[in-house]
Amino acid sequence: MLYMRFRDQDYAMLPLDMETMPETIRQMFENKRFNVQHIERFLAQGYHMNFHMGAFAYETSRKIPTSLGLPIEIKGSMPTVASVTGQVKLQMEEQMKRVKIHLNIRPTSVSFVY
C-alpha cells in the first residue's frame, strides 16, 4: 500500500484487490524464499486494474490592495477526478530476451474550473 499526503489531501493506493492479495503474497514467499515464478505467472494471466483519484489540479489565490484598505481576494481552483480501469498482461520471450507489456486500459478524467 502506498500512502502519501500532498497539499493537505491524503492519497492511498493499493495495487491489488482484496481477494487476490493474500493468495498472491503467500505464493510469492513460499518456504521463506522469494519466488519469482509466481509473480511471472500472475502477470502472464493478466491483472485487472481499477484506480481512482481526486485532487485539485490547479489552485491559486491572489490579494489586490484597494484604496479603501480592504483587499480584493480572487481565488481559483480546478477539482479533478480521474479513473483508470483495464487489464495489464506481461509476456516474456526468453529466446529473444524481451518483455512485452500489453495494456488494455480506459482512462477517464473530469475537471471543473471555478
N, C-alpha and C. Protein backbone atom coordinates (compact mmCIF):
# COMPACT_ATOMS: atom_id res chain seq x y z
N MET A 1 0.84 -1.18 0.00
CA MET A 1 0.00 0.00 0.00
C MET A 1 0.88 1.23 0.00
N LEU A 2 0.57 2.16 -0.87
CA LEU A 2 1.29 3.42 -0.95
C LEU A 2 0.40 4.50 -0.35
N TYR A 3 0.91 5.22 0.61
CA TYR A 3 0.14 6.27 1.27
C TYR A 3 0.97 7.54 1.26
N MET A 4 0.38 8.65 0.79
CA MET A 4 1.10 9.92 0.82
C MET A 4 0.12 11.06 1.02
N ARG A 5 0.67 12.18 1.47
CA ARG A 5 -0.12 13.38 1.71
C ARG A 5 0.48 14.50 0.87
N PHE A 6 -0.36 15.17 0.06
CA PHE A 6 0.10 16.24 -0.82
C PHE A 6 -0.94 17.35 -0.82
N ARG A 7 -0.53 18.57 -0.51
CA ARG A 7 -1.43 19.73 -0.45
C ARG A 7 -2.64 19.47 0.44
N ASP A 8 -2.38 18.95 1.62
CA ASP A 8 -3.42 18.67 2.62
C ASP A 8 -4.48 17.68 2.13
N GLN A 9 -4.12 16.82 1.21
CA GLN A 9 -5.02 15.75 0.79
C GLN A 9 -4.29 14.43 0.93
N ASP A 10 -5.02 13.41 1.36
CA ASP A 10 -4.44 12.08 1.56
C ASP A 10 -4.69 11.22 0.33
N TYR A 11 -3.65 10.46 -0.06
CA TYR A 11 -3.75 9.54 -1.18
C TYR A 11 -3.32 8.16 -0.70
N ALA A 12 -4.09 7.15 -1.04
CA ALA A 12 -3.74 5.77 -0.70
C ALA A 12 -3.93 4.93 -1.97
N MET A 13 -2.93 4.11 -2.26
CA MET A 13 -3.01 3.26 -3.44
C MET A 13 -2.69 1.83 -3.04
N LEU A 14 -3.61 0.96 -3.30
CA LEU A 14 -3.42 -0.47 -3.07
C LEU A 14 -3.49 -1.15 -4.44
N PRO A 15 -2.36 -1.63 -4.96
CA PRO A 15 -2.34 -2.12 -6.34
C PRO A 15 -3.06 -3.44 -6.58
N LEU A 16 -3.45 -4.18 -5.56
CA LEU A 16 -4.15 -5.45 -5.73
C LEU A 16 -5.51 -5.38 -5.04
N ASP A 17 -6.48 -6.10 -5.59
CA ASP A 17 -7.77 -6.13 -4.91
C ASP A 17 -7.71 -7.10 -3.72
N MET A 18 -8.68 -7.01 -2.84
CA MET A 18 -8.64 -7.73 -1.57
C MET A 18 -8.69 -9.24 -1.73
N GLU A 19 -9.32 -9.75 -2.78
CA GLU A 19 -9.40 -11.21 -2.96
C GLU A 19 -8.08 -11.78 -3.47
N THR A 20 -7.36 -11.03 -4.28
CA THR A 20 -6.13 -11.51 -4.91
C THR A 20 -4.92 -11.37 -4.00
N MET A 21 -4.85 -10.33 -3.21
CA MET A 21 -3.64 -10.01 -2.47
C MET A 21 -3.16 -11.10 -1.52
N PRO A 22 -3.95 -11.65 -0.62
CA PRO A 22 -3.40 -12.64 0.31
C PRO A 22 -2.85 -13.88 -0.38
N GLU A 23 -3.54 -14.41 -1.38
CA GLU A 23 -3.08 -15.60 -2.09
C GLU A 23 -1.79 -15.33 -2.85
N THR A 24 -1.70 -14.19 -3.49
CA THR A 24 -0.51 -13.84 -4.26
C THR A 24 0.70 -13.65 -3.36
N ILE A 25 0.53 -12.97 -2.26
CA ILE A 25 1.65 -12.75 -1.34
C ILE A 25 2.10 -14.06 -0.72
N ARG A 26 1.17 -14.93 -0.38
CA ARG A 26 1.53 -16.23 0.19
C ARG A 26 2.33 -17.05 -0.82
N GLN A 27 1.95 -17.03 -2.09
CA GLN A 27 2.65 -17.79 -3.11
C GLN A 27 4.03 -17.22 -3.41
N MET A 28 4.18 -15.91 -3.32
CA MET A 28 5.47 -15.29 -3.63
C MET A 28 6.55 -15.67 -2.62
N PHE A 29 6.16 -15.89 -1.37
CA PHE A 29 7.13 -16.16 -0.32
C PHE A 29 7.02 -17.59 0.20
N GLU A 30 6.94 -18.56 -0.70
CA GLU A 30 6.88 -19.95 -0.28
C GLU A 30 8.21 -20.38 0.33
N ASN A 31 8.14 -21.16 1.39
CA ASN A 31 9.32 -21.68 2.09
C ASN A 31 10.28 -20.57 2.51
N LYS A 32 9.75 -19.42 2.85
CA LYS A 32 10.52 -18.26 3.30
C LYS A 32 11.54 -17.79 2.27
N ARG A 33 11.25 -18.04 1.00
CA ARG A 33 12.11 -17.59 -0.09
C ARG A 33 11.24 -16.84 -1.10
N PHE A 34 11.81 -15.85 -1.70
CA PHE A 34 11.10 -15.06 -2.70
C PHE A 34 11.01 -15.86 -4.00
N ASN A 35 9.81 -16.11 -4.48
CA ASN A 35 9.58 -16.95 -5.65
C ASN A 35 9.15 -16.08 -6.84
N VAL A 36 10.04 -15.90 -7.80
CA VAL A 36 9.78 -15.03 -8.95
C VAL A 36 8.81 -15.67 -9.94
N GLN A 37 8.79 -17.02 -10.03
CA GLN A 37 7.91 -17.68 -10.99
C GLN A 37 6.43 -17.39 -10.74
N HIS A 38 6.05 -17.25 -9.47
CA HIS A 38 4.65 -16.94 -9.17
C HIS A 38 4.29 -15.53 -9.63
N ILE A 39 5.22 -14.61 -9.52
CA ILE A 39 4.95 -13.25 -10.00
C ILE A 39 4.81 -13.26 -11.52
N GLU A 40 5.70 -13.97 -12.20
CA GLU A 40 5.62 -14.06 -13.65
C GLU A 40 4.31 -14.70 -14.10
N ARG A 41 3.90 -15.75 -13.42
CA ARG A 41 2.65 -16.43 -13.76
C ARG A 41 1.44 -15.52 -13.52
N PHE A 42 1.48 -14.78 -12.41
CA PHE A 42 0.39 -13.86 -12.09
C PHE A 42 0.27 -12.76 -13.15
N LEU A 43 1.40 -12.19 -13.56
CA LEU A 43 1.37 -11.13 -14.57
C LEU A 43 1.05 -11.67 -15.96
N ALA A 44 1.42 -12.90 -16.26
CA ALA A 44 1.11 -13.50 -17.57
C ALA A 44 -0.39 -13.77 -17.70
N GLN A 45 -1.06 -14.11 -16.61
CA GLN A 45 -2.51 -14.34 -16.63
C GLN A 45 -3.26 -13.04 -16.84
N GLY A 46 -2.68 -11.95 -16.39
CA GLY A 46 -3.33 -10.64 -16.52
C GLY A 46 -3.82 -10.14 -15.18
N TYR A 47 -3.70 -8.87 -15.00
CA TYR A 47 -4.11 -8.22 -13.76
C TYR A 47 -5.17 -7.17 -14.09
N HIS A 48 -6.33 -7.26 -13.45
CA HIS A 48 -7.40 -6.29 -13.66
C HIS A 48 -7.13 -5.08 -12.77
N MET A 49 -6.99 -3.93 -13.39
CA MET A 49 -6.62 -2.71 -12.69
C MET A 49 -7.84 -1.80 -12.55
N ASN A 50 -7.95 -1.17 -11.39
CA ASN A 50 -9.04 -0.26 -11.10
C ASN A 50 -8.47 0.83 -10.19
N PHE A 51 -8.20 2.01 -10.72
CA PHE A 51 -7.54 3.08 -9.97
C PHE A 51 -8.36 4.36 -10.10
N HIS A 52 -8.66 5.00 -8.96
CA HIS A 52 -9.44 6.23 -8.94
C HIS A 52 -8.70 7.27 -8.10
N MET A 53 -8.79 8.54 -8.51
CA MET A 53 -8.09 9.59 -7.79
C MET A 53 -8.88 10.90 -7.91
N GLY A 54 -8.86 11.67 -6.86
CA GLY A 54 -9.45 13.00 -6.86
C GLY A 54 -8.46 13.99 -6.28
N ALA A 55 -8.31 15.15 -6.91
CA ALA A 55 -7.35 16.14 -6.43
C ALA A 55 -7.68 17.50 -7.03
N PHE A 56 -7.01 18.51 -6.52
CA PHE A 56 -7.08 19.84 -7.11
C PHE A 56 -5.91 19.99 -8.06
N ALA A 57 -6.18 20.00 -9.38
CA ALA A 57 -5.12 20.10 -10.37
C ALA A 57 -4.53 21.51 -10.38
N TYR A 58 -5.33 22.50 -10.04
CA TYR A 58 -4.88 23.89 -10.06
C TYR A 58 -5.58 24.62 -8.92
N GLU A 59 -4.83 25.38 -8.17
CA GLU A 59 -5.40 26.12 -7.05
C GLU A 59 -4.55 27.36 -6.81
N THR A 60 -5.19 28.55 -6.82
CA THR A 60 -4.46 29.79 -6.63
C THR A 60 -5.29 30.80 -5.85
N SER A 61 -4.61 31.76 -5.25
CA SER A 61 -5.27 32.82 -4.50
C SER A 61 -4.45 34.10 -4.68
N ARG A 62 -5.11 35.20 -5.01
CA ARG A 62 -4.44 36.49 -5.20
C ARG A 62 -5.16 37.55 -4.36
N LYS A 63 -4.38 38.42 -3.73
CA LYS A 63 -4.94 39.54 -2.98
C LYS A 63 -4.45 40.83 -3.62
N ILE A 64 -5.42 41.73 -3.92
CA ILE A 64 -5.10 43.00 -4.55
C ILE A 64 -5.50 44.11 -3.58
N PRO A 65 -4.56 45.01 -3.24
CA PRO A 65 -4.90 46.11 -2.32
C PRO A 65 -5.82 47.13 -3.00
N THR A 66 -6.69 47.73 -2.19
CA THR A 66 -7.60 48.76 -2.69
C THR A 66 -7.40 50.04 -1.88
N SER A 67 -7.96 51.15 -2.36
CA SER A 67 -7.83 52.44 -1.66
C SER A 67 -8.66 52.49 -0.39
N LEU A 68 -9.64 51.60 -0.23
CA LEU A 68 -10.46 51.56 0.98
C LEU A 68 -9.74 50.86 2.14
N GLY A 69 -8.67 50.16 1.84
CA GLY A 69 -7.95 49.43 2.88
C GLY A 69 -8.38 47.99 3.00
N LEU A 70 -9.42 47.58 2.30
CA LEU A 70 -9.87 46.19 2.28
C LEU A 70 -9.39 45.54 0.99
N PRO A 71 -8.64 44.47 1.07
CA PRO A 71 -8.13 43.85 -0.16
C PRO A 71 -9.21 43.06 -0.89
N ILE A 72 -9.04 42.99 -2.20
CA ILE A 72 -9.89 42.14 -3.02
C ILE A 72 -9.16 40.81 -3.15
N GLU A 73 -9.84 39.73 -2.80
CA GLU A 73 -9.21 38.41 -2.88
C GLU A 73 -9.87 37.62 -4.00
N ILE A 74 -9.03 37.13 -4.90
CA ILE A 74 -9.50 36.32 -6.03
C ILE A 74 -8.95 34.91 -5.85
N LYS A 75 -9.86 33.94 -5.83
CA LYS A 75 -9.47 32.54 -5.67
C LYS A 75 -9.92 31.75 -6.89
N GLY A 76 -9.10 30.79 -7.26
CA GLY A 76 -9.46 29.91 -8.36
C GLY A 76 -8.95 28.51 -8.08
N SER A 77 -9.74 27.53 -8.47
CA SER A 77 -9.31 26.15 -8.29
C SER A 77 -9.95 25.28 -9.36
N MET A 78 -9.36 24.11 -9.56
CA MET A 78 -9.85 23.17 -10.55
C MET A 78 -9.85 21.76 -9.96
N PRO A 79 -10.94 21.36 -9.32
CA PRO A 79 -11.00 19.98 -8.82
C PRO A 79 -11.08 18.99 -9.98
N THR A 80 -10.36 17.89 -9.85
CA THR A 80 -10.28 16.90 -10.92
C THR A 80 -10.47 15.50 -10.34
N VAL A 81 -11.25 14.71 -11.02
CA VAL A 81 -11.43 13.31 -10.68
C VAL A 81 -10.97 12.48 -11.87
N ALA A 82 -10.07 11.53 -11.63
CA ALA A 82 -9.54 10.70 -12.70
C ALA A 82 -9.73 9.22 -12.35
N SER A 83 -9.87 8.41 -13.37
CA SER A 83 -10.07 6.98 -13.18
C SER A 83 -9.39 6.22 -14.31
N VAL A 84 -8.76 5.09 -13.97
CA VAL A 84 -8.15 4.22 -14.96
C VAL A 84 -8.61 2.79 -14.65
N THR A 85 -9.26 2.17 -15.60
CA THR A 85 -9.67 0.77 -15.45
C THR A 85 -9.15 0.00 -16.66
N GLY A 86 -8.90 -1.28 -16.46
CA GLY A 86 -8.43 -2.09 -17.57
C GLY A 86 -7.68 -3.32 -17.12
N GLN A 87 -6.86 -3.85 -18.02
CA GLN A 87 -6.13 -5.07 -17.75
C GLN A 87 -4.68 -4.90 -18.21
N VAL A 88 -3.76 -5.45 -17.42
CA VAL A 88 -2.33 -5.43 -17.72
C VAL A 88 -1.86 -6.87 -17.84
N LYS A 89 -1.18 -7.19 -18.94
CA LYS A 89 -0.60 -8.52 -19.14
C LYS A 89 0.87 -8.39 -19.48
N LEU A 90 1.65 -9.34 -19.02
CA LEU A 90 3.09 -9.36 -19.27
C LEU A 90 3.42 -10.62 -20.05
N GLN A 91 4.17 -10.46 -21.13
CA GLN A 91 4.58 -11.59 -21.95
C GLN A 91 6.11 -11.58 -22.03
N MET A 92 6.71 -12.68 -21.57
CA MET A 92 8.17 -12.78 -21.56
C MET A 92 8.62 -13.75 -22.66
N GLU A 93 9.57 -13.31 -23.47
CA GLU A 93 10.14 -14.14 -24.51
C GLU A 93 11.59 -14.42 -24.13
N GLU A 94 11.85 -15.64 -23.72
CA GLU A 94 13.19 -15.97 -23.22
C GLU A 94 14.22 -16.07 -24.33
N GLN A 95 13.82 -16.53 -25.53
CA GLN A 95 14.80 -16.68 -26.60
C GLN A 95 15.32 -15.32 -27.07
N MET A 96 14.45 -14.34 -27.15
CA MET A 96 14.86 -13.02 -27.61
C MET A 96 15.18 -12.08 -26.45
N LYS A 97 15.02 -12.55 -25.23
CA LYS A 97 15.27 -11.76 -24.02
C LYS A 97 14.48 -10.45 -24.06
N ARG A 98 13.19 -10.61 -24.30
CA ARG A 98 12.30 -9.47 -24.40
C ARG A 98 11.13 -9.62 -23.45
N VAL A 99 10.63 -8.49 -23.02
CA VAL A 99 9.42 -8.46 -22.19
C VAL A 99 8.43 -7.52 -22.87
N LYS A 100 7.23 -8.01 -23.12
CA LYS A 100 6.18 -7.19 -23.71
C LYS A 100 5.09 -6.97 -22.67
N ILE A 101 4.67 -5.74 -22.56
CA ILE A 101 3.58 -5.40 -21.64
C ILE A 101 2.39 -4.99 -22.50
N HIS A 102 1.27 -5.69 -22.32
CA HIS A 102 0.04 -5.40 -23.04
C HIS A 102 -0.89 -4.65 -22.09
N LEU A 103 -1.24 -3.43 -22.46
CA LEU A 103 -2.14 -2.61 -21.66
C LEU A 103 -3.46 -2.44 -22.40
N ASN A 104 -4.52 -2.81 -21.77
CA ASN A 104 -5.86 -2.58 -22.29
C ASN A 104 -6.57 -1.73 -21.24
N ILE A 105 -6.37 -0.42 -21.32
CA ILE A 105 -6.87 0.47 -20.26
C ILE A 105 -7.84 1.48 -20.84
N ARG A 106 -8.64 2.03 -19.94
CA ARG A 106 -9.62 3.04 -20.30
C ARG A 106 -9.52 4.19 -19.29
N PRO A 107 -8.77 5.25 -19.62
CA PRO A 107 -8.65 6.38 -18.69
C PRO A 107 -9.80 7.36 -18.88
N THR A 108 -10.29 7.92 -17.80
CA THR A 108 -11.31 8.97 -17.85
C THR A 108 -10.91 10.07 -16.85
N SER A 109 -11.29 11.30 -17.19
CA SER A 109 -10.95 12.42 -16.32
C SER A 109 -12.03 13.48 -16.45
N VAL A 110 -12.38 14.10 -15.33
CA VAL A 110 -13.37 15.17 -15.30
C VAL A 110 -12.81 16.30 -14.46
N SER A 111 -12.87 17.53 -15.00
CA SER A 111 -12.41 18.72 -14.28
C SER A 111 -13.48 19.79 -14.34
N PHE A 112 -13.48 20.65 -13.33
CA PHE A 112 -14.41 21.76 -13.24
C PHE A 112 -13.64 22.98 -12.78
N VAL A 113 -13.72 24.07 -13.51
CA VAL A 113 -12.99 25.29 -13.17
C VAL A 113 -13.95 26.28 -12.54
N TYR A 114 -13.59 26.80 -11.37
CA TYR A 114 -14.38 27.87 -10.75
C TYR A 114 -13.47 28.80 -10.02
